[in-house]
Amino acid sequence: CHYGVIGGGHYVAYVKNHTNQQWYCFNDSSCKPVSESVLEQCSSSAYLLFYERESLDHRCYMPNVEGKKQVASEFQLPGDDRWCSIM
Protein backbone atom coordinates (compact mmCIF):
# COMPACT_ATOMS: atom_id res chain seq x y z
CA CYS A 1 0.00 0.00 0.00
CA HIS A 2 1.15 3.53 -0.75
CA TYR A 3 0.50 6.41 1.60
CA GLY A 4 1.17 9.94 0.41
CA VAL A 5 1.08 11.73 -2.93
CA ILE A 6 2.41 10.89 -6.39
CA GLY A 7 5.65 12.82 -5.83
CA GLY A 8 6.36 11.26 -2.45
CA GLY A 9 5.06 9.02 0.24
CA HIS A 10 5.65 5.72 1.92
CA TYR A 11 5.05 2.05 1.05
CA VAL A 12 4.09 -0.76 3.42
CA ALA A 13 3.36 -4.40 2.64
CA TYR A 14 0.67 -6.58 4.18
CA VAL A 15 1.37 -10.32 4.06
CA LYS A 16 -0.69 -13.28 5.26
CA ASN A 17 1.03 -16.24 6.86
CA HIS A 18 -0.97 -19.24 5.69
CA THR A 19 0.42 -21.41 8.46
CA ASN A 20 -1.17 -19.42 11.29
CA GLN A 21 -3.65 -17.34 9.20
CA GLN A 22 -2.21 -14.12 10.69
CA TRP A 23 -1.74 -10.91 8.66
CA TYR A 24 1.48 -8.92 9.14
CA CYS A 25 2.50 -5.36 8.25
CA PHE A 26 6.04 -4.91 6.93
CA ASN A 27 6.99 -1.26 7.38
CA ASP A 28 10.66 -0.47 6.76
CA SER A 29 12.50 -2.43 9.45
CA SER A 30 9.44 -3.49 11.47
CA CYS A 31 7.13 -6.45 11.13
CA LYS A 32 3.99 -6.48 13.25
CA PRO A 33 0.81 -8.58 13.33
CA VAL A 34 -2.31 -6.67 12.25
CA SER A 35 -6.03 -7.39 12.20
CA GLU A 36 -8.02 -7.76 8.99
CA SER A 37 -9.83 -4.51 9.79
CA VAL A 38 -6.57 -2.65 9.08
CA LEU A 39 -6.55 -4.19 5.59
CA GLU A 40 -10.04 -2.88 4.89
CA GLN A 41 -8.85 0.64 5.70
CA CYS A 42 -5.99 0.52 3.19
CA SER A 43 -7.68 -1.43 0.38
CA SER A 44 -8.15 1.71 -1.73
CA SER A 45 -4.41 2.46 -1.55
CA ALA A 46 -3.28 -1.00 -2.70
CA TYR A 47 -0.45 -0.55 -5.19
CA LEU A 48 0.60 -4.10 -6.09
CA LEU A 49 -1.33 -7.30 -5.44
CA PHE A 50 -0.11 -10.90 -5.55
CA TYR A 51 -2.45 -13.84 -5.90
CA GLU A 52 -1.73 -17.45 -5.05
CA ARG A 53 -3.40 -20.40 -6.71
CA GLU A 54 -5.18 -22.66 -4.25
CA SER A 55 -3.81 -26.20 -3.85
CA LEU A 56 -0.45 -25.17 -5.31
CA ASP A 57 2.43 -27.41 -4.23
CA HIS A 58 5.31 -24.98 -3.58
CA ARG A 59 7.86 -27.77 -3.25
CA CYS A 60 8.10 -28.27 -7.01
CA TYR A 61 9.20 -24.61 -7.41
CA MET A 62 11.80 -24.54 -4.65
CA PRO A 63 15.49 -25.03 -5.51
CA ASN A 64 17.28 -28.16 -4.40
CA VAL A 65 19.64 -26.99 -1.64
CA GLU A 66 20.67 -30.44 -0.42
CA GLY A 67 24.40 -30.50 0.32
CA LYS A 68 24.81 -26.73 -0.16
CA LYS A 69 26.11 -24.35 2.51
CA GLN A 70 24.49 -21.10 3.64
CA VAL A 71 26.31 -17.84 3.05
CA ALA A 72 26.19 -16.19 6.48
CA SER A 73 26.03 -12.61 5.19
CA GLU A 74 22.70 -13.31 3.46
CA PHE A 75 20.85 -14.21 6.65
CA GLN A 76 19.91 -12.68 9.97
CA LEU A 77 22.65 -12.31 12.50
CA PRO A 78 22.02 -12.93 16.22
CA GLY A 79 20.57 -9.78 17.77
CA ASP A 80 19.56 -8.33 14.38
CA ASP A 81 15.92 -7.29 14.89
CA ARG A 82 15.42 -5.92 11.37
CA TRP A 83 13.96 -9.22 10.16
CA CYS A 84 10.69 -10.88 11.04
CA SER A 85 10.13 -14.56 10.39
CA ILE A 86 6.49 -15.32 9.59
CA MET A 87 6.76 -18.92 8.61
C-alpha atoms as a PDB file:
ATOM      1  CA  CYS A   1       0.000   0.000   0.000  1.00  0.00           C
ATOM      2  CA  HIS A   2       1.146   3.526  -0.751  1.00  0.00           C
ATOM      3  CA  TYR A   3       0.502   6.405   1.602  1.00  0.00           C
ATOM      4  CA  GLY A   4       1.165   9.943   0.414  1.00  0.00           C
ATOM      5  CA  VAL A   5       1.077  11.730  -2.925  1.00  0.00           C
ATOM      6  CA  ILE A   6       2.410  10.889  -6.394  1.00  0.00           C
ATOM      7  CA  GLY A   7       5.646  12.821  -5.831  1.00  0.00           C
ATOM      8  CA  GLY A   8       6.362  11.255  -2.445  1.00  0.00           C
ATOM      9  CA  GLY A   9       5.058   9.018   0.238  1.00  0.00           C
ATOM     10  CA  HIS A  10       5.654   5.716   1.919  1.00  0.00           C
ATOM     11  CA  TYR A  11       5.045   2.052   1.047  1.00  0.00           C
ATOM     12  CA  VAL A  12       4.092  -0.756   3.418  1.00  0.00           C
ATOM     13  CA  ALA A  13       3.358  -4.396   2.642  1.00  0.00           C
ATOM     14  CA  TYR A  14       0.674  -6.581   4.176  1.00  0.00           C
ATOM     15  CA  VAL A  15       1.369 -10.317   4.060  1.00  0.00           C
ATOM     16  CA  LYS A  16      -0.686 -13.276   5.259  1.00  0.00           C
ATOM     17  CA  ASN A  17       1.033 -16.245   6.862  1.00  0.00           C
ATOM     18  CA  HIS A  18      -0.974 -19.235   5.685  1.00  0.00           C
ATOM     19  CA  THR A  19       0.422 -21.414   8.459  1.00  0.00           C
ATOM     20  CA  ASN A  20      -1.169 -19.422  11.294  1.00  0.00           C
ATOM     21  CA  GLN A  21      -3.651 -17.344   9.204  1.00  0.00           C
ATOM     22  CA  GLN A  22      -2.212 -14.120  10.685  1.00  0.00           C
ATOM     23  CA  TRP A  23      -1.742 -10.910   8.665  1.00  0.00           C
ATOM     24  CA  TYR A  24       1.484  -8.920   9.142  1.00  0.00           C
ATOM     25  CA  CYS A  25       2.497  -5.361   8.252  1.00  0.00           C
ATOM     26  CA  PHE A  26       6.041  -4.911   6.929  1.00  0.00           C
ATOM     27  CA  ASN A  27       6.993  -1.262   7.384  1.00  0.00           C
ATOM     28  CA  ASP A  28      10.657  -0.469   6.760  1.00  0.00           C
ATOM     29  CA  SER A  29      12.500  -2.429   9.454  1.00  0.00           C
ATOM     30  CA  SER A  30       9.445  -3.486  11.472  1.00  0.00           C
ATOM     31  CA  CYS A  31       7.126  -6.450  11.128  1.00  0.00           C
ATOM     32  CA  LYS A  32       3.987  -6.482  13.255  1.00  0.00           C
ATOM     33  CA  PRO A  33       0.811  -8.582  13.329  1.00  0.00           C
ATOM     34  CA  VAL A  34      -2.312  -6.672  12.253  1.00  0.00           C
ATOM     35  CA  SER A  35      -6.033  -7.386  12.204  1.00  0.00           C
ATOM     36  CA  GLU A  36      -8.021  -7.760   8.988  1.00  0.00           C
ATOM     37  CA  SER A  37      -9.834  -4.508   9.788  1.00  0.00           C
ATOM     38  CA  VAL A  38      -6.571  -2.655   9.080  1.00  0.00           C
ATOM     39  CA  LEU A  39      -6.546  -4.194   5.594  1.00  0.00           C
ATOM     40  CA  GLU A  40     -10.036  -2.877   4.888  1.00  0.00           C
ATOM     41  CA  GLN A  41      -8.849   0.642   5.699  1.00  0.00           C
ATOM     42  CA  CYS A  42      -5.986   0.516   3.187  1.00  0.00           C
ATOM     43  CA  SER A  43      -7.677  -1.431   0.383  1.00  0.00           C
ATOM     44  CA  SER A  44      -8.150   1.707  -1.730  1.00  0.00           C
ATOM     45  CA  SER A  45      -4.409   2.457  -1.554  1.00  0.00           C
ATOM     46  CA  ALA A  46      -3.277  -0.998  -2.700  1.00  0.00           C
ATOM     47  CA  TYR A  47      -0.447  -0.555  -5.189  1.00  0.00           C
ATOM     48  CA  LEU A  48       0.596  -4.098  -6.086  1.00  0.00           C
ATOM     49  CA  LEU A  49      -1.334  -7.301  -5.437  1.00  0.00           C
ATOM     50  CA  PHE A  50      -0.115 -10.897  -5.550  1.00  0.00           C
ATOM     51  CA  TYR A  51      -2.450 -13.836  -5.899  1.00  0.00           C
ATOM     52  CA  GLU A  52      -1.735 -17.449  -5.050  1.00  0.00           C
ATOM     53  CA  ARG A  53      -3.396 -20.395  -6.713  1.00  0.00           C
ATOM     54  CA  GLU A  54      -5.182 -22.660  -4.249  1.00  0.00           C
ATOM     55  CA  SER A  55      -3.813 -26.198  -3.854  1.00  0.00           C
ATOM     56  CA  LEU A  56      -0.451 -25.170  -5.306  1.00  0.00           C
ATOM     57  CA  ASP A  57       2.426 -27.412  -4.230  1.00  0.00           C
ATOM     58  CA  HIS A  58       5.307 -24.980  -3.584  1.00  0.00           C
ATOM     59  CA  ARG A  59       7.860 -27.771  -3.246  1.00  0.00           C
ATOM     60  CA  CYS A  60       8.100 -28.268  -7.010  1.00  0.00           C
ATOM     61  CA  TYR A  61       9.200 -24.609  -7.409  1.00  0.00           C
ATOM     62  CA  MET A  62      11.805 -24.543  -4.654  1.00  0.00           C
ATOM     63  CA  PRO A  63      15.493 -25.027  -5.513  1.00  0.00           C
ATOM     64  CA  ASN A  64      17.278 -28.157  -4.400  1.00  0.00           C
ATOM     65  CA  VAL A  65      19.638 -26.993  -1.637  1.00  0.00           C
ATOM     66  CA  GLU A  66      20.666 -30.437  -0.417  1.00  0.00           C
ATOM     67  CA  GLY A  67      24.401 -30.501   0.318  1.00  0.00           C
ATOM     68  CA  LYS A  68      24.813 -26.727  -0.158  1.00  0.00           C
ATOM     69  CA  LYS A  69      26.111 -24.354   2.506  1.00  0.00           C
ATOM     70  CA  GLN A  70      24.493 -21.097   3.639  1.00  0.00           C
ATOM     71  CA  VAL A  71      26.311 -17.844   3.050  1.00  0.00           C
ATOM     72  CA  ALA A  72      26.191 -16.185   6.478  1.00  0.00           C
ATOM     73  CA  SER A  73      26.025 -12.609   5.188  1.00  0.00           C
ATOM     74  CA  GLU A  74      22.705 -13.307   3.463  1.00  0.00           C
ATOM     75  CA  PHE A  75      20.850 -14.209   6.650  1.00  0.00           C
ATOM     76  CA  GLN A  76      19.908 -12.683   9.966  1.00  0.00           C
ATOM     77  CA  LEU A  77      22.655 -12.306  12.502  1.00  0.00           C
ATOM     78  CA  PRO A  78      22.022 -12.926  16.216  1.00  0.00           C
ATOM     79  CA  GLY A  79      20.567  -9.780  17.769  1.00  0.00           C
ATOM     80  CA  ASP A  80      19.563  -8.329  14.379  1.00  0.00           C
ATOM     81  CA  ASP A  81      15.917  -7.293  14.895  1.00  0.00           C
ATOM     82  CA  ARG A  82      15.422  -5.919  11.368  1.00  0.00           C
ATOM     83  CA  TRP A  83      13.958  -9.216  10.161  1.00  0.00           C
ATOM     84  CA  CYS A  84      10.688 -10.883  11.045  1.00  0.00           C
ATOM     85  CA  SER A  85      10.132 -14.559  10.392  1.00  0.00           C
ATOM     86  CA  ILE A  86       6.491 -15.316   9.593  1.00  0.00           C
ATOM     87  CA  MET A  87       6.763 -18.925   8.613  1.00  0.00           C
END
